Amino acid sequence: MLKFIKKIIPKKVKKVIKLLYYRQLGGVIMFHRIENDAHYNLYDNEILGVSSQELERIILHYKKKNYQFLSLDELHELLSKGKKPKQKFICFTFDDGYIDNFEIAYPIFKKHNVPFCIYVTTDFPDHKFMLWYYVLDEIIGNNDTVSLGDGSVYSCKTIEEKNETFRAIRDKIFEMQTSSDPQILHNLLKNYEYSFEELIKKNSMTWEQIKTLSDDPICTIGAHTVNHLALDKISEEEVIYQLSESKRILEEKLQKPVYHFAYPYGACNDFVVKKAEEVGYHTATLACGGMENRRFNMYKLKRIDSNKLKEMVNKTVEQ
C-alpha cells in the first residue's frame, strides 16, 4: 500500500498519510516486580522492580490521559477484528510469577479497577526455578573476585566491574542453557554456597495464589514457558515442549484455557512464533519495542519497559 502511495502522491501529503498509517494505537507495559524498600547490589536486578507508589503513578498517568485499560482478551478481540480503538489503549503485564505481584500489585489494580496479566513460568510455583540472577547478586556483590566452575575469573572490585561481570556471566548462562538441565548452573557456580530452593520459595507465588488471581476477572494468567529458557537458543523439540507443556500445566491447575504467552527475554525466531500460534495461543509478547501501531503482529506484540516508563512518569509528576 505504501509503495503505491509513493508513486502517486506528493511528498508532503505522503508524510501526513504515513504518520496516520503508523499512528500509535496504544501499548503493552512489561513489569516484573513491585517492591518497596528492596535493595540489590547490581543494577540489572535493581531495575526489575518498581515501587507501589510508582505503579500507582503510572496508572494515574494513563487515566489522566484518557487511555482505555484493556485485558489481553479485549486487546486480541480488538486487534484481530481490525477494529479502530475509540481511544488509545494500555495493557499491564507481569513476567515470571513473583510473590509481590499477588501481595502488592493485585490490591492496587483492584483499587483502580484496572485489568492486568501475569505470565507465569510454571517452575516458579513448582519451586524448581533457579533464581541465578539473585544468587549472582550475592556472589558478585560480596566478593572482589569471582571464580566460576568453568575456570573463568572476574575482577569485581568496583561497582562498574561488578555490573560488567554480572552481564558477562548472564550472557554465558544464556549460551549454556540450551536445555532445562539444572546441573548446568550448579557446575558453573560450584565454588559458592547458595540455595536455589530457598530463594524461589521466598520469591514466587504459590499455585493457590495464582488460582485466586485467575478466578478474579480483573487478572489474566498467561504462560511464560516451564523453565524460562531463551527459545531461540534451544532445539525445536524443546521449543514445542516449553510452549505446550507450560500451557497444559496452567490449564490443568486453573481449570480454564490459557491463550496468552510471553517469550522469555523476548527471544524468538520464525519457528518459535509459528509454533506459538499452532499450540493455541491468541497473542504472544516481546520484551521491548515500544508502543503499537497499525502494523502489529499478534504473535510479536511489542512491550514498554516499566523502568523506562516510571522515569518518564516521575519527571511528569515533578514538573
C-alpha atoms as a PDB file:
ATOM      1  CA  MET A   1       0.000   0.000   0.000  1.00  0.00           C
ATOM      2  CA  LEU A   2       2.749   2.477   0.947  1.00  0.00           C
ATOM      3  CA  LYS A   3       4.641   1.706  -2.289  1.00  0.00           C
ATOM      4  CA  PHE A   4       1.535   2.631  -4.283  1.00  0.00           C
ATOM      5  CA  ILE A   5       1.134   5.857  -2.281  1.00  0.00           C
ATOM      6  CA  LYS A   6       4.735   6.866  -3.019  1.00  0.00           C
ATOM      7  CA  LYS A   7       4.122   6.707  -6.762  1.00  0.00           C
ATOM      8  CA  ILE A   8       1.017   8.880  -6.964  1.00  0.00           C
ATOM      9  CA  ILE A   9       1.067  11.349  -4.056  1.00  0.00           C
ATOM     10  CA  PRO A  10       3.282  14.427  -3.455  1.00  0.00           C
ATOM     11  CA  LYS A  11       5.920  14.330  -0.682  1.00  0.00           C
ATOM     12  CA  LYS A  12       4.113  16.476   1.922  1.00  0.00           C
ATOM     13  CA  VAL A  13       0.872  14.546   1.539  1.00  0.00           C
ATOM     14  CA  LYS A  14       2.799  11.273   1.718  1.00  0.00           C
ATOM     15  CA  LYS A  15       4.307  12.347   5.045  1.00  0.00           C
ATOM     16  CA  VAL A  16       0.873  13.046   6.551  1.00  0.00           C
ATOM     17  CA  ILE A  17      -0.533   9.728   5.327  1.00  0.00           C
ATOM     18  CA  LYS A  18       2.491   7.849   6.686  1.00  0.00           C
ATOM     19  CA  LEU A  19       2.054   9.478  10.097  1.00  0.00           C
ATOM     20  CA  LEU A  20      -1.593   8.436  10.140  1.00  0.00           C
ATOM     21  CA  TYR A  21      -0.753   4.918   8.973  1.00  0.00           C
ATOM     22  CA  TYR A  22       1.869   4.410  11.672  1.00  0.00           C
ATOM     23  CA  ARG A  23      -0.061   6.294  14.351  1.00  0.00           C
ATOM     24  CA  GLN A  24       0.279   4.741  17.774  1.00  0.00           C
ATOM     25  CA  LEU A  25      -2.723   2.692  18.875  1.00  0.00           C
ATOM     26  CA  GLY A  26      -1.520   2.068  22.414  1.00  0.00           C
ATOM     27  CA  GLY A  27       0.903  -0.105  24.315  1.00  0.00           C
ATOM     28  CA  VAL A  28       1.554  -3.168  26.453  1.00  0.00           C
ATOM     29  CA  ILE A  29       3.632  -2.443  29.568  1.00  0.00           C
ATOM     30  CA  MET A  30       6.061  -5.051  30.916  1.00  0.00           C
ATOM     31  CA  PHE A  31       6.638  -5.337  34.675  1.00  0.00           C
ATOM     32  CA  HIS A  32       8.426  -7.961  36.720  1.00  0.00           C
ATOM     33  CA  ARG A  33       8.276  -6.914  40.367  1.00  0.00           C
ATOM     34  CA  ILE A  34       6.551  -4.371  42.606  1.00  0.00           C
ATOM     35  CA  GLU A  35       8.918  -3.909  45.537  1.00  0.00           C
ATOM     36  CA  ASN A  36       9.152  -1.368  48.328  1.00  0.00           C
ATOM     37  CA  ASP A  37      12.493  -0.826  50.098  1.00  0.00           C
ATOM     38  CA  ALA A  38      14.226  -3.597  48.141  1.00  0.00           C
ATOM     39  CA  HIS A  39      17.989  -3.391  47.721  1.00  0.00           C
ATOM     40  CA  TYR A  40      20.175  -5.201  45.219  1.00  0.00           C
ATOM     41  CA  ASN A  41      23.895  -4.973  44.611  1.00  0.00           C
ATOM     42  CA  LEU A  42      23.588  -4.961  40.825  1.00  0.00           C
ATOM     43  CA  TYR A  43      21.864  -2.514  38.504  1.00  0.00           C
ATOM     44  CA  ASP A  44      20.191  -5.128  36.293  1.00  0.00           C
ATOM     45  CA  ASN A  45      18.443  -6.661  39.315  1.00  0.00           C
ATOM     46  CA  GLU A  46      17.521  -3.248  40.714  1.00  0.00           C
ATOM     47  CA  ILE A  47      15.620  -2.279  37.560  1.00  0.00           C
ATOM     48  CA  LEU A  48      13.463  -5.420  37.585  1.00  0.00           C
ATOM     49  CA  GLY A  49      11.198  -3.694  40.082  1.00  0.00           C
ATOM     50  CA  VAL A  50       9.204  -0.526  40.592  1.00  0.00           C
ATOM     51  CA  SER A  51       7.640   0.620  43.862  1.00  0.00           C
ATOM     52  CA  SER A  52       3.924   0.506  44.660  1.00  0.00           C
ATOM     53  CA  GLN A  53       3.877   4.308  44.545  1.00  0.00           C
ATOM     54  CA  GLU A  54       5.431   4.273  41.073  1.00  0.00           C
ATOM     55  CA  LEU A  55       2.883   1.708  39.863  1.00  0.00           C
ATOM     56  CA  GLU A  56       0.029   3.930  41.038  1.00  0.00           C
ATOM     57  CA  ARG A  57       1.629   6.943  39.373  1.00  0.00           C
ATOM     58  CA  ILE A  58       1.761   5.041  36.078  1.00  0.00           C
ATOM     59  CA  ILE A  59      -1.906   4.011  36.341  1.00  0.00           C
ATOM     60  CA  LEU A  60      -2.993   7.558  37.200  1.00  0.00           C
ATOM     61  CA  HIS A  61      -0.822   8.956  34.396  1.00  0.00           C
ATOM     62  CA  TYR A  62      -2.739   6.955  31.785  1.00  0.00           C
ATOM     63  CA  LYS A  63      -6.093   7.631  33.444  1.00  0.00           C
ATOM     64  CA  LYS A  64      -5.391  11.346  33.210  1.00  0.00           C
ATOM     65  CA  LYS A  65      -4.509  10.963  29.519  1.00  0.00           C
ATOM     66  CA  ASN A  66      -7.825   9.153  28.950  1.00  0.00           C
ATOM     67  CA  TYR A  67      -6.344   5.835  27.823  1.00  0.00           C
ATOM     68  CA  GLN A  68      -8.599   2.780  27.955  1.00  0.00           C
ATOM     69  CA  PHE A  69      -7.291  -0.104  30.056  1.00  0.00           C
ATOM     70  CA  LEU A  70      -7.668  -3.420  28.233  1.00  0.00           C
ATOM     71  CA  SER A  71      -7.213  -7.037  29.235  1.00  0.00           C
ATOM     72  CA  LEU A  72      -5.282  -9.192  26.778  1.00  0.00           C
ATOM     73  CA  ASP A  73      -8.530 -10.895  25.753  1.00  0.00           C
ATOM     74  CA  GLU A  74     -10.009  -7.489  24.960  1.00  0.00           C
ATOM     75  CA  LEU A  75      -6.862  -6.464  23.095  1.00  0.00           C
ATOM     76  CA  HIS A  76      -6.972  -9.633  20.993  1.00  0.00           C
ATOM     77  CA  GLU A  77     -10.650  -9.099  20.236  1.00  0.00           C
ATOM     78  CA  LEU A  78      -9.972  -5.515  19.178  1.00  0.00           C
ATOM     79  CA  LEU A  79      -6.914  -6.148  17.022  1.00  0.00           C
ATOM     80  CA  SER A  80      -7.975  -9.446  15.449  1.00  0.00           C
ATOM     81  CA  LYS A  81     -11.157  -7.910  14.068  1.00  0.00           C
ATOM     82  CA  GLY A  82      -9.363  -4.850  12.782  1.00  0.00           C
ATOM     83  CA  LYS A  83     -11.490  -2.530  14.884  1.00  0.00           C
ATOM     84  CA  LYS A  84     -10.291   1.019  15.344  1.00  0.00           C
ATOM     85  CA  PRO A  85      -9.867   1.820  19.066  1.00  0.00           C
ATOM     86  CA  LYS A  86     -12.075   4.646  20.289  1.00  0.00           C
ATOM     87  CA  GLN A  87      -9.091   5.857  22.287  1.00  0.00           C
ATOM     88  CA  LYS A  88      -5.505   4.777  22.881  1.00  0.00           C
ATOM     89  CA  PHE A  89      -5.158   1.625  24.985  1.00  0.00           C
ATOM     90  CA  ILE A  90      -2.811   0.325  27.670  1.00  0.00           C
ATOM     91  CA  CYS A  91      -2.341  -3.271  28.856  1.00  0.00           C
ATOM     92  CA  PHE A  92      -0.460  -4.084  32.057  1.00  0.00           C
ATOM     93  CA  THR A  93       1.563  -7.313  32.101  1.00  0.00           C
ATOM     94  CA  PHE A  94       3.939  -9.009  34.542  1.00  0.00           C
ATOM     95  CA  ASP A  95       6.518 -11.702  33.803  1.00  0.00           C
ATOM     96  CA  ASP A  96       7.518 -14.790  35.802  1.00  0.00           C
ATOM     97  CA  GLY A  97       5.199 -15.008  38.839  1.00  0.00           C
ATOM     98  CA  TYR A  98       6.775 -13.174  41.783  1.00  0.00           C
ATOM     99  CA  ILE A  99       5.037 -13.100  45.174  1.00  0.00           C
ATOM    100  CA  ASP A 100       4.756  -9.292  45.167  1.00  0.00           C
ATOM    101  CA  ASN A 101       2.517  -9.493  42.091  1.00  0.00           C
ATOM    102  CA  PHE A 102      -0.091 -11.027  44.398  1.00  0.00           C
ATOM    103  CA  GLU A 103       0.676  -9.219  47.658  1.00  0.00           C
ATOM    104  CA  ILE A 104       1.321  -5.684  46.358  1.00  0.00           C
ATOM    105  CA  ALA A 105       0.292  -5.275  42.708  1.00  0.00           C
ATOM    106  CA  TYR A 106      -3.043  -7.122  42.869  1.00  0.00           C
ATOM    107  CA  PRO A 107      -4.611  -4.840  45.539  1.00  0.00           C
ATOM    108  CA  ILE A 108      -3.534  -1.752  43.563  1.00  0.00           C
ATOM    109  CA  PHE A 109      -5.159  -2.979  40.344  1.00  0.00           C
ATOM    110  CA  LYS A 110      -8.299  -3.900  42.329  1.00  0.00           C
ATOM    111  CA  LYS A 111      -8.376  -0.433  43.861  1.00  0.00           C
ATOM    112  CA  HIS A 112      -8.269   1.233  40.437  1.00  0.00           C
ATOM    113  CA  ASN A 113     -10.361  -1.450  38.681  1.00  0.00           C
ATOM    114  CA  VAL A 114      -7.661  -1.911  36.025  1.00  0.00           C
ATOM    115  CA  PRO A 115      -7.111  -5.319  34.347  1.00  0.00           C
ATOM    116  CA  PHE A 116      -3.678  -6.922  34.232  1.00  0.00           C
ATOM    117  CA  CYS A 117      -1.958 -10.135  33.163  1.00  0.00           C
ATOM    118  CA  ILE A 118       0.709 -12.272  34.805  1.00  0.00           C
ATOM    119  CA  TYR A 119       2.749 -14.548  32.539  1.00  0.00           C
ATOM    120  CA  VAL A 120       3.698 -17.463  34.795  1.00  0.00           C
ATOM    121  CA  THR A 121       6.805 -19.598  34.392  1.00  0.00           C
ATOM    122  CA  THR A 122       5.463 -22.858  35.840  1.00  0.00           C
ATOM    123  CA  ASP A 123       8.749 -23.716  37.564  1.00  0.00           C
ATOM    124  CA  PHE A 124       8.120 -20.681  39.806  1.00  0.00           C
ATOM    125  CA  PRO A 125       5.117 -22.048  41.755  1.00  0.00           C
ATOM    126  CA  ASP A 126       6.570 -25.560  41.458  1.00  0.00           C
ATOM    127  CA  HIS A 127       9.642 -24.170  43.293  1.00  0.00           C
ATOM    128  CA  LYS A 128      12.030 -25.596  40.697  1.00  0.00           C
ATOM    129  CA  PHE A 129      13.210 -22.393  39.047  1.00  0.00           C
ATOM    130  CA  MET A 130      16.769 -21.329  39.764  1.00  0.00           C
ATOM    131  CA  LEU A 131      16.916 -17.605  40.502  1.00  0.00           C
ATOM    132  CA  TRP A 132      20.509 -17.463  39.327  1.00  0.00           C
ATOM    133  CA  TYR A 133      20.463 -13.661  38.936  1.00  0.00           C
ATOM    134  CA  TYR A 134      19.785 -13.230  42.669  1.00  0.00           C
ATOM    135  CA  VAL A 135      22.478 -15.774  43.540  1.00  0.00           C
ATOM    136  CA  LEU A 136      24.889 -13.804  41.339  1.00  0.00           C
ATOM    137  CA  ASP A 137      23.794 -10.609  43.071  1.00  0.00           C
ATOM    138  CA  GLU A 138      25.071 -12.009  46.366  1.00  0.00           C
ATOM    139  CA  ILE A 139      28.199 -13.652  44.964  1.00  0.00           C
ATOM    140  CA  ILE A 140      29.328 -10.659  42.907  1.00  0.00           C
ATOM    141  CA  GLY A 141      28.176  -8.093  45.456  1.00  0.00           C
ATOM    142  CA  ASN A 142      30.122  -9.697  48.300  1.00  0.00           C
ATOM    143  CA  ASN A 143      33.372 -10.586  46.516  1.00  0.00           C
ATOM    144  CA  ASP A 144      36.211  -8.678  44.839  1.00  0.00           C
ATOM    145  CA  THR A 145      36.952 -11.662  42.592  1.00  0.00           C
ATOM    146  CA  VAL A 146      34.534 -14.242  41.179  1.00  0.00           C
ATOM    147  CA  SER A 147      35.758 -17.666  40.015  1.00  0.00           C
ATOM    148  CA  LEU A 148      33.374 -19.889  38.073  1.00  0.00           C
ATOM    149  CA  GLY A 149      33.351 -23.644  37.708  1.00  0.00           C
ATOM    150  CA  ASP A 150      34.495 -23.413  34.092  1.00  0.00           C
ATOM    151  CA  GLY A 151      37.747 -21.744  35.189  1.00  0.00           C
ATOM    152  CA  SER A 152      36.863 -18.171  34.251  1.00  0.00           C
ATOM    153  CA  VAL A 153      37.805 -15.449  36.751  1.00  0.00           C
ATOM    154  CA  TYR A 154      36.386 -11.915  37.027  1.00  0.00           C
ATOM    155  CA  SER A 155      37.604  -8.859  38.924  1.00  0.00           C
ATOM    156  CA  CYS A 156      34.746  -7.262  40.889  1.00  0.00           C
ATOM    157  CA  LYS A 157      36.381  -4.518  42.937  1.00  0.00           C
ATOM    158  CA  THR A 158      34.289  -1.594  41.707  1.00  0.00           C
ATOM    159  CA  ILE A 159      30.556  -1.271  41.093  1.00  0.00           C
ATOM    160  CA  GLU A 160      31.301  -0.887  37.376  1.00  0.00           C
ATOM    161  CA  GLU A 161      33.258  -4.151  37.373  1.00  0.00           C
ATOM    162  CA  LYS A 162      30.505  -5.887  39.341  1.00  0.00           C
ATOM    163  CA  ASN A 163      27.840  -4.882  36.819  1.00  0.00           C
ATOM    164  CA  GLU A 164      30.090  -5.838  33.889  1.00  0.00           C
ATOM    165  CA  THR A 165      30.792  -9.215  35.499  1.00  0.00           C
ATOM    166  CA  PHE A 166      27.098  -9.882  36.005  1.00  0.00           C
ATOM    167  CA  ARG A 167      26.359  -9.179  32.339  1.00  0.00           C
ATOM    168  CA  ALA A 168      29.253 -11.328  31.162  1.00  0.00           C
ATOM    169  CA  ILE A 169      28.108 -14.281  33.296  1.00  0.00           C
ATOM    170  CA  ARG A 170      24.478 -13.696  32.296  1.00  0.00           C
ATOM    171  CA  ASP A 171      25.434 -13.931  28.616  1.00  0.00           C
ATOM    172  CA  LYS A 172      27.437 -17.083  29.353  1.00  0.00           C
ATOM    173  CA  ILE A 173      24.387 -18.639  31.044  1.00  0.00           C
ATOM    174  CA  PHE A 174      22.155 -17.742  28.094  1.00  0.00           C
ATOM    175  CA  GLU A 175      24.549 -19.509  25.733  1.00  0.00           C
ATOM    176  CA  MET A 176      24.881 -22.562  28.004  1.00  0.00           C
ATOM    177  CA  GLN A 177      21.188 -23.038  28.815  1.00  0.00           C
ATOM    178  CA  THR A 178      20.176 -24.985  25.723  1.00  0.00           C
ATOM    179  CA  SER A 179      18.141 -27.388  27.871  1.00  0.00           C
ATOM    180  CA  SER A 180      16.410 -27.467  31.246  1.00  0.00           C
ATOM    181  CA  ASP A 181      19.248 -29.458  32.870  1.00  0.00           C
ATOM    182  CA  PRO A 182      19.795 -27.856  36.331  1.00  0.00           C
ATOM    183  CA  GLN A 183      23.324 -29.233  36.523  1.00  0.00           C
ATOM    184  CA  ILE A 184      24.487 -26.544  34.074  1.00  0.00           C
ATOM    185  CA  LEU A 185      24.054 -23.823  36.701  1.00  0.00           C
ATOM    186  CA  HIS A 186      25.267 -25.975  39.584  1.00  0.00           C
ATOM    187  CA  ASN A 187      28.510 -26.705  37.726  1.00  0.00           C
ATOM    188  CA  LEU A 188      29.041 -23.045  36.892  1.00  0.00           C
ATOM    189  CA  LEU A 189      28.517 -21.866  40.496  1.00  0.00           C
ATOM    190  CA  LYS A 190      30.019 -24.857  42.323  1.00  0.00           C
ATOM    191  CA  ASN A 191      32.642 -22.699  44.100  1.00  0.00           C
ATOM    192  CA  TYR A 192      29.954 -20.940  46.176  1.00  0.00           C
ATOM    193  CA  GLU A 193      27.287 -21.854  48.716  1.00  0.00           C
ATOM    194  CA  TYR A 194      23.704 -20.950  47.858  1.00  0.00           C
ATOM    195  CA  SER A 195      20.170 -22.364  47.971  1.00  0.00           C
ATOM    196  CA  PHE A 196      18.090 -22.047  44.819  1.00  0.00           C
ATOM    197  CA  GLU A 197      15.167 -23.774  46.559  1.00  0.00           C
ATOM    198  CA  GLU A 198      15.107 -21.303  49.451  1.00  0.00           C
ATOM    199  CA  LEU A 199      15.226 -18.332  47.072  1.00  0.00           C
ATOM    200  CA  ILE A 200      12.370 -19.475  44.846  1.00  0.00           C
ATOM    201  CA  LYS A 201      10.115 -20.351  47.789  1.00  0.00           C
ATOM    202  CA  LYS A 202      10.675 -16.860  49.183  1.00  0.00           C
ATOM    203  CA  ASN A 203      10.104 -15.014  45.908  1.00  0.00           C
ATOM    204  CA  SER A 204       7.403 -16.898  43.976  1.00  0.00           C
ATOM    205  CA  MET A 205       3.636 -17.076  44.176  1.00  0.00           C
ATOM    206  CA  THR A 206       2.007 -20.359  45.157  1.00  0.00           C
ATOM    207  CA  TRP A 207      -0.444 -22.226  42.945  1.00  0.00           C
ATOM    208  CA  GLU A 208      -3.216 -21.269  45.380  1.00  0.00           C
ATOM    209  CA  GLN A 209      -2.434 -17.577  44.928  1.00  0.00           C
ATOM    210  CA  ILE A 210      -2.289 -17.948  41.144  1.00  0.00           C
ATOM    211  CA  LYS A 211      -5.689 -19.703  41.212  1.00  0.00           C
ATOM    212  CA  THR A 212      -7.126 -16.849  43.297  1.00  0.00           C
ATOM    213  CA  LEU A 213      -5.901 -14.357  40.710  1.00  0.00           C
ATOM    214  CA  SER A 214      -7.198 -16.463  37.833  1.00  0.00           C
ATOM    215  CA  ASP A 215     -10.657 -16.630  39.423  1.00  0.00           C
ATOM    216  CA  ASP A 216     -10.837 -12.826  39.506  1.00  0.00           C
ATOM    217  CA  PRO A 217     -11.937 -11.352  36.126  1.00  0.00           C
ATOM    218  CA  ILE A 218      -9.506  -8.460  36.636  1.00  0.00           C
ATOM    219  CA  CYS A 219      -6.495 -10.775  36.181  1.00  0.00           C
ATOM    220  CA  THR A 220      -5.457 -12.905  33.204  1.00  0.00           C
ATOM    221  CA  ILE A 221      -2.930 -15.686  33.669  1.00  0.00           C
ATOM    222  CA  GLY A 222      -0.670 -16.262  30.671  1.00  0.00           C
ATOM    223  CA  ALA A 223       2.166 -18.698  30.007  1.00  0.00           C
ATOM    224  CA  HIS A 224       5.899 -17.964  30.135  1.00  0.00           C
ATOM    225  CA  THR A 225       7.341 -21.461  29.474  1.00  0.00           C
ATOM    226  CA  VAL A 226       8.222 -24.128  32.028  1.00  0.00           C
ATOM    227  CA  ASN A 227      11.880 -23.257  32.693  1.00  0.00           C
ATOM    228  CA  HIS A 228      12.284 -19.689  31.351  1.00  0.00           C
ATOM    229  CA  LEU A 229      14.747 -20.695  28.633  1.00  0.00           C
ATOM    230  CA  ALA A 230      15.577 -18.389  25.725  1.00  0.00           C
ATOM    231  CA  LEU A 231      13.532 -20.058  22.986  1.00  0.00           C
ATOM    232  CA  ASP A 232      15.862 -19.055  20.162  1.00  0.00           C
ATOM    233  CA  LYS A 233      18.755 -20.949  21.816  1.00  0.00           C
ATOM    234  CA  ILE A 234      17.141 -24.385  22.240  1.00  0.00           C
ATOM    235  CA  SER A 235      16.161 -27.275  19.951  1.00  0.00           C
ATOM    236  CA  GLU A 236      12.894 -27.252  18.018  1.00  0.00           C
ATOM    237  CA  GLU A 237      11.701 -30.202  20.101  1.00  0.00           C
ATOM    238  CA  GLU A 238      12.425 -28.284  23.316  1.00  0.00           C
ATOM    239  CA  VAL A 239      10.642 -25.188  21.949  1.00  0.00           C
ATOM    240  CA  ILE A 240       7.463 -27.194  21.347  1.00  0.00           C
ATOM    241  CA  TYR A 241       7.722 -28.693  24.839  1.00  0.00           C
ATOM    242  CA  GLN A 242       8.189 -25.304  26.535  1.00  0.00           C
ATOM    243  CA  LEU A 243       5.247 -23.768  24.654  1.00  0.00           C
ATOM    244  CA  SER A 244       2.808 -26.655  25.024  1.00  0.00           C
ATOM    245  CA  GLU A 245       3.736 -28.023  28.455  1.00  0.00           C
ATOM    246  CA  SER A 246       3.504 -24.655  30.226  1.00  0.00           C
ATOM    247  CA  LYS A 247       0.060 -24.180  28.660  1.00  0.00           C
ATOM    248  CA  ARG A 248      -1.027 -27.669  29.712  1.00  0.00           C
ATOM    249  CA  ILE A 249       0.171 -27.273  33.310  1.00  0.00           C
ATOM    250  CA  LEU A 250      -1.525 -23.899  33.745  1.00  0.00           C
ATOM    251  CA  GLU A 251      -4.791 -25.105  32.230  1.00  0.00           C
ATOM    252  CA  GLU A 252      -4.777 -28.162  34.477  1.00  0.00           C
ATOM    253  CA  LYS A 253      -4.087 -26.099  37.603  1.00  0.00           C
ATOM    254  CA  LEU A 254      -6.520 -23.280  36.775  1.00  0.00           C
ATOM    255  CA  GLN A 255      -9.232 -25.305  35.038  1.00  0.00           C
ATOM    256  CA  LYS A 256      -9.565 -22.810  32.204  1.00  0.00           C
ATOM    257  CA  PRO A 257      -7.942 -22.144  28.809  1.00  0.00           C
ATOM    258  CA  VAL A 258      -4.699 -20.158  28.627  1.00  0.00           C
ATOM    259  CA  TYR A 259      -4.488 -18.038  25.485  1.00  0.00           C
ATOM    260  CA  HIS A 260      -1.598 -15.634  26.035  1.00  0.00           C
ATOM    261  CA  PHE A 261       2.174 -16.092  26.053  1.00  0.00           C
ATOM    262  CA  ALA A 262       5.331 -14.037  26.638  1.00  0.00           C
ATOM    263  CA  TYR A 263       8.705 -15.037  25.197  1.00  0.00           C
ATOM    264  CA  PRO A 264      11.349 -15.245  27.973  1.00  0.00           C
ATOM    265  CA  TYR A 265      13.853 -12.424  27.424  1.00  0.00           C
ATOM    266  CA  GLY A 266      11.778 -11.540  24.345  1.00  0.00           C
ATOM    267  CA  ALA A 267      13.786 -14.197  22.484  1.00  0.00           C
ATOM    268  CA  CYS A 268      12.099 -15.761  19.456  1.00  0.00           C
ATOM    269  CA  ASN A 269      12.584 -16.627  15.794  1.00  0.00           C
ATOM    270  CA  ASP A 270      10.261 -17.568  12.942  1.00  0.00           C
ATOM    271  CA  PHE A 271       9.922 -21.170  14.145  1.00  0.00           C
ATOM    272  CA  VAL A 272       9.082 -20.120  17.712  1.00  0.00           C
ATOM    273  CA  VAL A 273       6.478 -17.590  16.540  1.00  0.00           C
ATOM    274  CA  LYS A 274       4.862 -20.148  14.223  1.00  0.00           C
ATOM    275  CA  LYS A 275       4.666 -22.767  16.977  1.00  0.00           C
ATOM    276  CA  ALA A 276       3.207 -20.281  19.483  1.00  0.00           C
ATOM    277  CA  GLU A 277       0.251 -19.880  17.143  1.00  0.00           C
ATOM    278  CA  GLU A 278      -0.021 -23.606  16.390  1.00  0.00           C
ATOM    279  CA  VAL A 279      -0.027 -24.525  20.089  1.00  0.00           C
ATOM    280  CA  GLY A 280      -3.134 -22.384  20.511  1.00  0.00           C
ATOM    281  CA  TYR A 281      -2.074 -19.026  21.903  1.00  0.00           C
ATOM    282  CA  HIS A 282      -4.008 -15.970  20.738  1.00  0.00           C
ATOM    283  CA  THR A 283      -1.212 -13.487  21.461  1.00  0.00           C
ATOM    284  CA  ALA A 284       2.488 -13.516  22.283  1.00  0.00           C
ATOM    285  CA  THR A 285       4.554 -10.601  23.556  1.00  0.00           C
ATOM    286  CA  LEU A 286       8.151  -9.475  23.198  1.00  0.00           C
ATOM    287  CA  ALA A 287      10.237  -7.738  25.886  1.00  0.00           C
ATOM    288  CA  CYS A 288      10.700  -4.397  24.145  1.00  0.00           C
ATOM    289  CA  GLY A 289       9.684  -2.346  21.109  1.00  0.00           C
ATOM    290  CA  GLY A 290       7.572   0.500  22.489  1.00  0.00           C
ATOM    291  CA  MET A 291       4.036   1.451  21.502  1.00  0.00           C
ATOM    292  CA  GLU A 292       1.943  -0.453  18.946  1.00  0.00           C
ATOM    293  CA  ASN A 293       0.770   0.978  15.637  1.00  0.00           C
ATOM    294  CA  ARG A 294      -1.392  -0.367  12.823  1.00  0.00           C
ATOM    295  CA  ARG A 295       1.391  -2.683  11.628  1.00  0.00           C
ATOM    296  CA  PHE A 296       1.091  -5.010  14.626  1.00  0.00           C
ATOM    297  CA  ASN A 297       1.801  -8.744  14.733  1.00  0.00           C
ATOM    298  CA  MET A 298      -0.410 -10.654  17.170  1.00  0.00           C
ATOM    299  CA  TYR A 299       2.463 -13.043  17.930  1.00  0.00           C
ATOM    300  CA  LYS A 300       5.141 -10.362  18.255  1.00  0.00           C
ATOM    301  CA  LEU A 301       3.345  -7.697  20.258  1.00  0.00           C
ATOM    302  CA  LYS A 302       5.770  -5.054  21.434  1.00  0.00           C
ATOM    303  CA  ARG A 303       6.059  -4.016  25.073  1.00  0.00           C
ATOM    304  CA  ILE A 304       7.176  -0.950  27.004  1.00  0.00           C
ATOM    305  CA  ASP A 305       9.705  -1.474  29.790  1.00  0.00           C
ATOM    306  CA  SER A 306       8.228  -0.320  33.116  1.00  0.00           C
ATOM    307  CA  ASN A 307      11.562   1.002  34.385  1.00  0.00           C
ATOM    308  CA  LYS A 308      11.877   3.428  31.465  1.00  0.00           C
ATOM    309  CA  LEU A 309       8.220   4.331  31.815  1.00  0.00           C
ATOM    310  CA  LYS A 310       8.489   5.111  35.534  1.00  0.00           C
ATOM    311  CA  GLU A 311      11.311   7.582  34.834  1.00  0.00           C
ATOM    312  CA  MET A 312       9.110   9.409  32.344  1.00  0.00           C
ATOM    313  CA  VAL A 313       6.102   9.451  34.692  1.00  0.00           C
ATOM    314  CA  ASN A 314       8.210  10.575  37.671  1.00  0.00           C
ATOM    315  CA  LYS A 315       9.553  13.500  35.630  1.00  0.00           C
ATOM    316  CA  THR A 316       5.980  14.445  34.695  1.00  0.00           C
ATOM    317  CA  VAL A 317       4.939  14.420  38.358  1.00  0.00           C
ATOM    318  CA  GLU A 318       7.933  16.579  39.354  1.00  0.00           C
ATOM    319  CA  GLN A 319       7.224  19.248  36.721  1.00  0.00           C
END
